[in-house]
């Protein structure tokens, strides 16, 4: 504990695997959490883009079908 306090005052920290780290454990945990949240956000954004792409294709098909029906009437 005394060694950890001495390391802490020097800006060094031991992690769960007793590896020496420069980042405080709390900051490291927050960084890992932020990384996961960013990854989830990117995944959701990609899924949203797929949905919008599908919707755009559908609207395009409907527009072509409507144009085709107009031509039949004329």
N, C-alpha and C. Protein backbone atom coordinates (compact mmCIF):
# COMPACT_ATOMS: atom_id res chain seq x y z
N UNK A 1 0.83 -1.20 0.00
CA UNK A 1 0.00 0.00 0.00
C UNK A 1 0.87 1.25 0.00
N UNK A 2 1.97 1.18 0.78
CA UNK A 2 2.86 2.33 0.83
C UNK A 2 3.56 2.53 -0.51
N UNK A 3 3.91 1.41 -1.15
CA UNK A 3 4.55 1.49 -2.47
C UNK A 3 3.58 2.08 -3.50
N UNK A 4 2.29 1.65 -3.38
CA UNK A 4 1.28 2.18 -4.32
C UNK A 4 1.08 3.68 -4.11
N UNK A 5 1.11 4.12 -2.87
CA UNK A 5 0.96 5.55 -2.57
C UNK A 5 2.13 6.33 -3.16
N UNK A 6 3.33 5.77 -3.03
CA UNK A 6 4.53 6.42 -3.57
C UNK A 6 4.44 6.49 -5.09
N UNK A 7 3.99 5.39 -5.71
CA UNK A 7 3.83 5.38 -7.16
C UNK A 7 2.77 6.40 -7.58
N UNK A 8 1.65 6.42 -6.82
CA UNK A 8 0.55 7.35 -7.13
C UNK A 8 1.00 8.79 -7.08
N UNK A 9 1.83 9.12 -6.12
CA UNK A 9 2.30 10.50 -6.02
C UNK A 9 3.22 10.85 -7.19
N UNK A 10 3.81 9.81 -7.81
CA UNK A 10 4.66 10.03 -8.98
C UNK A 10 3.86 9.97 -10.27
N UNK A 11 2.51 9.78 -10.13
CA UNK A 11 1.65 9.72 -11.32
C UNK A 11 1.63 8.35 -11.97
N UNK A 12 2.04 7.32 -11.23
CA UNK A 12 2.03 5.95 -11.74
C UNK A 12 1.04 5.12 -10.95
N UNK A 13 0.45 4.12 -11.59
CA UNK A 13 -0.58 3.32 -10.93
C UNK A 13 -0.42 1.87 -11.34
N UNK A 14 -0.79 0.96 -10.43
CA UNK A 14 -0.78 -0.46 -10.75
C UNK A 14 -2.20 -0.88 -11.09
N UNK A 15 -2.37 -1.63 -12.21
CA UNK A 15 -3.71 -2.09 -12.57
C UNK A 15 -3.99 -3.44 -11.92
N UNK A 16 -5.12 -4.05 -12.28
CA UNK A 16 -5.53 -5.34 -11.69
C UNK A 16 -4.52 -6.45 -11.96
N UNK A 17 -3.79 -6.33 -13.07
CA UNK A 17 -2.79 -7.35 -13.43
C UNK A 17 -1.40 -6.96 -12.94
N UNK A 18 -1.37 -5.97 -12.04
CA UNK A 18 -0.13 -5.44 -11.47
C UNK A 18 0.83 -4.93 -12.54
N UNK A 19 0.25 -4.39 -13.60
CA UNK A 19 1.06 -3.72 -14.62
C UNK A 19 1.13 -2.24 -14.27
N UNK A 20 2.26 -1.65 -14.54
CA UNK A 20 2.44 -0.23 -14.25
C UNK A 20 1.73 0.61 -15.31
N UNK A 21 0.91 1.54 -14.89
CA UNK A 21 0.16 2.41 -15.81
C UNK A 21 0.40 3.87 -15.46
N UNK A 22 0.33 4.71 -16.49
CA UNK A 22 0.44 6.15 -16.26
C UNK A 22 -0.94 6.73 -15.97
N UNK A 23 -1.98 6.12 -16.52
CA UNK A 23 -3.34 6.60 -16.35
C UNK A 23 -3.92 6.14 -15.02
N UNK A 24 -4.61 7.03 -14.34
CA UNK A 24 -5.28 6.65 -13.09
C UNK A 24 -6.33 5.59 -13.41
N UNK A 25 -6.52 4.61 -12.51
CA UNK A 25 -7.49 3.54 -12.76
C UNK A 25 -8.88 4.05 -13.12
N UNK A 26 -9.35 5.08 -12.41
CA UNK A 26 -10.69 5.62 -12.67
C UNK A 26 -10.76 6.22 -14.08
N UNK A 27 -9.70 6.94 -14.48
CA UNK A 27 -9.66 7.54 -15.81
C UNK A 27 -9.59 6.45 -16.87
N UNK A 28 -8.80 5.41 -16.60
CA UNK A 28 -8.69 4.29 -17.54
C UNK A 28 -10.05 3.61 -17.72
N UNK A 29 -10.79 3.43 -16.62
CA UNK A 29 -12.11 2.81 -16.69
C UNK A 29 -13.08 3.68 -17.47
N UNK A 30 -13.03 4.99 -17.23
CA UNK A 30 -13.90 5.92 -17.97
C UNK A 30 -13.56 5.91 -19.45
N UNK A 31 -12.28 5.83 -19.77
CA UNK A 31 -11.83 5.78 -21.16
C UNK A 31 -12.35 4.53 -21.84
N UNK A 32 -12.25 3.39 -21.14
CA UNK A 32 -12.74 2.12 -21.70
C UNK A 32 -14.25 2.19 -21.92
N UNK A 33 -14.98 2.78 -20.97
CA UNK A 33 -16.43 2.91 -21.10
C UNK A 33 -16.79 3.81 -22.28
N UNK A 34 -16.07 4.91 -22.42
CA UNK A 34 -16.32 5.84 -23.53
C UNK A 34 -16.05 5.14 -24.86
N UNK A 35 -14.98 4.33 -24.90
CA UNK A 35 -14.64 3.60 -26.13
C UNK A 35 -15.80 2.67 -26.51
N UNK A 36 -16.36 1.97 -25.53
CA UNK A 36 -17.48 1.07 -25.78
C UNK A 36 -18.72 1.83 -26.25
N UNK A 37 -18.98 2.97 -25.62
CA UNK A 37 -20.14 3.78 -26.00
C UNK A 37 -19.98 4.31 -27.43
N UNK A 38 -18.76 4.69 -27.78
CA UNK A 38 -18.48 5.18 -29.13
C UNK A 38 -18.68 4.06 -30.15
N UNK A 39 -18.20 2.87 -29.80
CA UNK A 39 -18.35 1.72 -30.70
C UNK A 39 -19.84 1.42 -30.93
N UNK A 40 -20.63 1.46 -29.84
CA UNK A 40 -22.07 1.22 -29.95
C UNK A 40 -22.73 2.30 -30.81
N UNK A 41 -22.29 3.56 -30.64
CA UNK A 41 -22.84 4.66 -31.43
C UNK A 41 -22.54 4.47 -32.92
N UNK A 42 -21.31 4.07 -33.22
CA UNK A 42 -20.92 3.85 -34.61
C UNK A 42 -21.74 2.71 -35.21
N UNK A 43 -21.95 1.63 -34.44
CA UNK A 43 -22.76 0.51 -34.91
C UNK A 43 -24.20 0.96 -35.19
N UNK A 44 -24.77 1.75 -34.27
CA UNK A 44 -26.14 2.23 -34.45
C UNK A 44 -26.24 3.16 -35.66
N UNK A 45 -25.22 3.98 -35.85
CA UNK A 45 -25.20 4.89 -36.99
C UNK A 45 -25.15 4.11 -38.30
N UNK A 46 -24.33 3.05 -38.34
CA UNK A 46 -24.24 2.20 -39.54
C UNK A 46 -25.59 1.54 -39.81
N UNK A 47 -26.24 1.06 -38.76
CA UNK A 47 -27.56 0.43 -38.92
C UNK A 47 -28.58 1.44 -39.44
N UNK A 48 -28.53 2.66 -38.91
CA UNK A 48 -29.42 3.73 -39.36
C UNK A 48 -29.19 4.02 -40.85
N UNK A 49 -27.93 4.06 -41.27
CA UNK A 49 -27.62 4.32 -42.68
C UNK A 49 -28.19 3.22 -43.57
N UNK A 50 -28.13 1.97 -43.10
CA UNK A 50 -28.70 0.85 -43.88
C UNK A 50 -30.21 1.04 -44.03
N UNK A 51 -30.86 1.40 -42.92
CA UNK A 51 -32.32 1.59 -42.95
C UNK A 51 -32.69 2.73 -43.90
N UNK A 52 -31.95 3.83 -43.82
CA UNK A 52 -32.22 4.98 -44.70
C UNK A 52 -31.98 4.58 -46.16
N UNK A 53 -30.94 3.79 -46.41
CA UNK A 53 -30.66 3.32 -47.77
C UNK A 53 -31.80 2.48 -48.31
N UNK A 54 -32.31 1.58 -47.48
CA UNK A 54 -33.44 0.74 -47.88
C UNK A 54 -34.68 1.58 -48.15
N UNK A 55 -34.92 2.55 -47.30
CA UNK A 55 -36.07 3.44 -47.46
C UNK A 55 -35.95 4.24 -48.75
N UNK A 56 -34.75 4.73 -49.04
CA UNK A 56 -34.51 5.49 -50.28
C UNK A 56 -34.80 4.62 -51.50
N UNK A 57 -34.34 3.38 -51.47
CA UNK A 57 -34.60 2.46 -52.58
C UNK A 57 -36.11 2.23 -52.75
N UNK A 58 -36.80 2.04 -51.64
CA UNK A 58 -38.25 1.80 -51.69
C UNK A 58 -38.98 3.00 -52.29
N UNK A 59 -38.62 4.19 -51.84
CA UNK A 59 -39.26 5.42 -52.36
C UNK A 59 -38.98 5.55 -53.85
N UNK A 60 -37.75 5.22 -54.25
CA UNK A 60 -37.37 5.29 -55.67
C UNK A 60 -38.23 4.32 -56.50
N UNK A 61 -38.40 3.10 -55.98
CA UNK A 61 -39.23 2.09 -56.68
C UNK A 61 -40.68 2.56 -56.79
N UNK A 62 -41.19 3.15 -55.71
CA UNK A 62 -42.57 3.66 -55.73
C UNK A 62 -42.72 4.79 -56.75
N UNK A 63 -41.71 5.66 -56.81
CA UNK A 63 -41.76 6.77 -57.77
C UNK A 63 -41.76 6.24 -59.20
N UNK A 64 -40.94 5.21 -59.47
CA UNK A 64 -40.90 4.62 -60.81
C UNK A 64 -42.22 3.95 -61.15
N UNK A 65 -42.81 3.26 -60.15
CA UNK A 65 -44.10 2.61 -60.37
C UNK A 65 -45.18 3.66 -60.66
N UNK A 66 -45.16 4.76 -59.92
CA UNK A 66 -46.14 5.82 -60.13
C UNK A 66 -45.96 6.44 -61.52
N UNK A 67 -44.73 6.64 -61.94
CA UNK A 67 -44.45 7.21 -63.26
C UNK A 67 -44.93 6.26 -64.35
N UNK A 68 -44.74 4.96 -64.14
CA UNK A 68 -45.19 3.95 -65.09
C UNK A 68 -46.71 3.96 -65.21
N UNK A 69 -47.40 4.12 -64.08
CA UNK A 69 -48.87 4.18 -64.11
C UNK A 69 -49.35 5.43 -64.84
N UNK A 70 -48.63 6.56 -64.66
CA UNK A 70 -49.00 7.78 -65.35
C UNK A 70 -48.91 7.59 -66.86
N UNK A 71 -47.86 6.89 -67.30
CA UNK A 71 -47.65 6.66 -68.73
C UNK A 71 -48.76 5.79 -69.31
N UNK A 72 -49.23 4.84 -68.51
CA UNK A 72 -50.32 3.95 -68.95
C UNK A 72 -51.59 4.76 -69.17
N UNK A 73 -51.83 5.74 -68.30
CA UNK A 73 -53.02 6.56 -68.40
C UNK A 73 -52.97 7.42 -69.63
N UNK A 74 -51.80 7.95 -69.94
CA UNK A 74 -51.64 8.79 -71.12
C UNK A 74 -51.69 7.91 -72.34
